[in-house]
Amino acid sequence: MNDEIGRVATREYAVALPDGAKGKLAFALCDLSRDNALARHARKREAVGFGLLGFEGLPGAPRHPLLWVRTRSGMEMTVSDGDDP
């Protein structure tokens, strides 16, 4: 997979939440070596990996994908401007 944000692997899952809501979660692993804003942000955070987490059809979920960044000490998630944290 070769796209502008550098996705190297993706998976999508249908989910059912305890409240009965149904939707999809989409995970993407992105290329840390790419020259784009997402990869630069991840490198600044000293990431060992990063990607996106998207939500579809889930009430109250962010409208735009979250950026996830895995560091040596933990995991960070960033919401898009305009989405509630």
C-alpha atoms as a PDB file:
ATOM      1  CA  MET A   1       0.000   0.000   0.000  1.00  0.00           C
ATOM      2  CA  ASN A   2       1.500   3.305  -1.019  1.00  0.00           C
ATOM      3  CA  ASP A   3      -0.383   6.492  -0.255  1.00  0.00           C
ATOM      4  CA  GLU A   4       0.478  10.049   0.726  1.00  0.00           C
ATOM      5  CA  ILE A   5       0.398   9.373   4.473  1.00  0.00           C
ATOM      6  CA  GLY A   6       2.475   6.220   4.161  1.00  0.00           C
ATOM      7  CA  ARG A   7       0.085   3.501   5.320  1.00  0.00           C
ATOM      8  CA  VAL A   8       1.893   0.160   5.239  1.00  0.00           C
ATOM      9  CA  ALA A   9      -0.829  -2.013   6.808  1.00  0.00           C
ATOM     10  CA  THR A  10      -4.527  -1.584   7.564  1.00  0.00           C
ATOM     11  CA  ARG A  11      -7.243  -3.613   9.251  1.00  0.00           C
ATOM     12  CA  GLU A  12     -10.930  -2.899   9.736  1.00  0.00           C
ATOM     13  CA  TYR A  13     -13.158  -4.548  12.318  1.00  0.00           C
ATOM     14  CA  ALA A  14     -16.916  -4.561  12.858  1.00  0.00           C
ATOM     15  CA  VAL A  15     -17.641  -3.889  16.534  1.00  0.00           C
ATOM     16  CA  ALA A  16     -20.677  -4.048  18.809  1.00  0.00           C
ATOM     17  CA  LEU A  17     -20.494  -1.962  21.982  1.00  0.00           C
ATOM     18  CA  PRO A  18     -22.127  -2.939  25.291  1.00  0.00           C
ATOM     19  CA  ASP A  19     -24.855  -0.315  24.728  1.00  0.00           C
ATOM     20  CA  GLY A  20     -25.836  -2.013  21.459  1.00  0.00           C
ATOM     21  CA  ALA A  21     -24.182   0.499  19.128  1.00  0.00           C
ATOM     22  CA  LYS A  22     -22.562  -1.084  16.079  1.00  0.00           C
ATOM     23  CA  GLY A  23     -19.886   0.349  13.853  1.00  0.00           C
ATOM     24  CA  LYS A  24     -16.377  -0.132  12.544  1.00  0.00           C
ATOM     25  CA  LEU A  25     -12.861   0.505  13.814  1.00  0.00           C
ATOM     26  CA  ALA A  26     -10.107   0.950  11.251  1.00  0.00           C
ATOM     27  CA  PHE A  27      -6.440   0.700  12.231  1.00  0.00           C
ATOM     28  CA  ALA A  28      -3.500   1.802  10.097  1.00  0.00           C
ATOM     29  CA  LEU A  29       0.229   1.383  10.652  1.00  0.00           C
ATOM     30  CA  CYS A  30       2.178   4.137   8.901  1.00  0.00           C
ATOM     31  CA  ASP A  31       5.761   4.493   7.669  1.00  0.00           C
ATOM     32  CA  LEU A  32       7.826   6.467  10.195  1.00  0.00           C
ATOM     33  CA  SER A  33      10.432   7.359   7.553  1.00  0.00           C
ATOM     34  CA  ARG A  34       8.014   9.288   5.307  1.00  0.00           C
ATOM     35  CA  ASP A  35       8.349  13.045   4.858  1.00  0.00           C
ATOM     36  CA  ASN A  36       4.886  14.201   5.885  1.00  0.00           C
ATOM     37  CA  ALA A  37       3.358  16.030   8.851  1.00  0.00           C
ATOM     38  CA  LEU A  38       2.167  12.878  10.630  1.00  0.00           C
ATOM     39  CA  ALA A  39       5.528  11.096  10.411  1.00  0.00           C
ATOM     40  CA  ARG A  40       7.394  14.264  11.449  1.00  0.00           C
ATOM     41  CA  HIS A  41       5.123  14.612  14.502  1.00  0.00           C
ATOM     42  CA  ALA A  42       5.725  10.971  15.415  1.00  0.00           C
ATOM     43  CA  ARG A  43       9.504  11.348  15.084  1.00  0.00           C
ATOM     44  CA  LYS A  44       9.417  14.457  17.320  1.00  0.00           C
ATOM     45  CA  ARG A  45       7.687  12.293  19.934  1.00  0.00           C
ATOM     46  CA  GLU A  46      10.529   9.729  19.529  1.00  0.00           C
ATOM     47  CA  ALA A  47       8.059   7.156  18.246  1.00  0.00           C
ATOM     48  CA  VAL A  48       8.879   3.536  17.580  1.00  0.00           C
ATOM     49  CA  GLY A  49       5.654   3.270  15.564  1.00  0.00           C
ATOM     50  CA  PHE A  50       2.613   5.323  14.632  1.00  0.00           C
ATOM     51  CA  GLY A  51      -0.600   5.204  12.695  1.00  0.00           C
ATOM     52  CA  LEU A  52      -4.261   6.117  12.583  1.00  0.00           C
ATOM     53  CA  LEU A  53      -7.392   4.845  14.302  1.00  0.00           C
ATOM     54  CA  GLY A  54     -10.695   5.620  12.599  1.00  0.00           C
ATOM     55  CA  PHE A  55     -14.279   5.215  13.763  1.00  0.00           C
ATOM     56  CA  GLU A  56     -17.394   4.716  11.649  1.00  0.00           C
ATOM     57  CA  GLY A  57     -20.983   4.647  12.843  1.00  0.00           C
ATOM     58  CA  LEU A  58     -20.171   4.865  16.556  1.00  0.00           C
ATOM     59  CA  PRO A  59     -22.108   7.561  18.428  1.00  0.00           C
ATOM     60  CA  GLY A  60     -19.871  10.001  20.292  1.00  0.00           C
ATOM     61  CA  ALA A  61     -16.694   8.808  18.546  1.00  0.00           C
ATOM     62  CA  PRO A  62     -14.311  11.323  16.964  1.00  0.00           C
ATOM     63  CA  ARG A  63     -15.351  12.345  13.433  1.00  0.00           C
ATOM     64  CA  HIS A  64     -11.759  12.191  12.158  1.00  0.00           C
ATOM     65  CA  PRO A  65      -9.110   9.501  12.711  1.00  0.00           C
ATOM     66  CA  LEU A  66      -6.977   9.656  15.847  1.00  0.00           C
ATOM     67  CA  LEU A  67      -3.206   9.728  15.455  1.00  0.00           C
ATOM     68  CA  TRP A  68      -1.608   7.079  17.665  1.00  0.00           C
ATOM     69  CA  VAL A  69       2.084   7.174  18.512  1.00  0.00           C
ATOM     70  CA  ARG A  70       3.877   4.324  20.280  1.00  0.00           C
ATOM     71  CA  THR A  71       6.941   5.463  22.222  1.00  0.00           C
ATOM     72  CA  ARG A  72       9.360   3.431  24.296  1.00  0.00           C
ATOM     73  CA  SER A  73       7.520   4.526  27.445  1.00  0.00           C
ATOM     74  CA  GLY A  74       3.892   4.345  26.341  1.00  0.00           C
ATOM     75  CA  MET A  75       1.161   5.212  23.898  1.00  0.00           C
ATOM     76  CA  GLU A  76      -0.084   8.669  22.916  1.00  0.00           C
ATOM     77  CA  MET A  77      -3.259   9.511  21.009  1.00  0.00           C
ATOM     78  CA  THR A  78      -4.055  12.854  19.407  1.00  0.00           C
ATOM     79  CA  VAL A  79      -7.472  13.941  18.137  1.00  0.00           C
ATOM     80  CA  SER A  80      -7.919  16.158  15.082  1.00  0.00           C
ATOM     81  CA  ASP A  81      -8.660  19.844  15.491  1.00  0.00           C
ATOM     82  CA  GLY A  82     -12.387  20.253  16.003  1.00  0.00           C
ATOM     83  CA  ASP A  83     -12.908  16.800  17.539  1.00  0.00           C
ATOM     84  CA  ASP A  84     -13.490  16.581  21.278  1.00  0.00           C
ATOM     85  CA  PRO A  85     -10.719  14.867  23.251  1.00  0.00           C
END
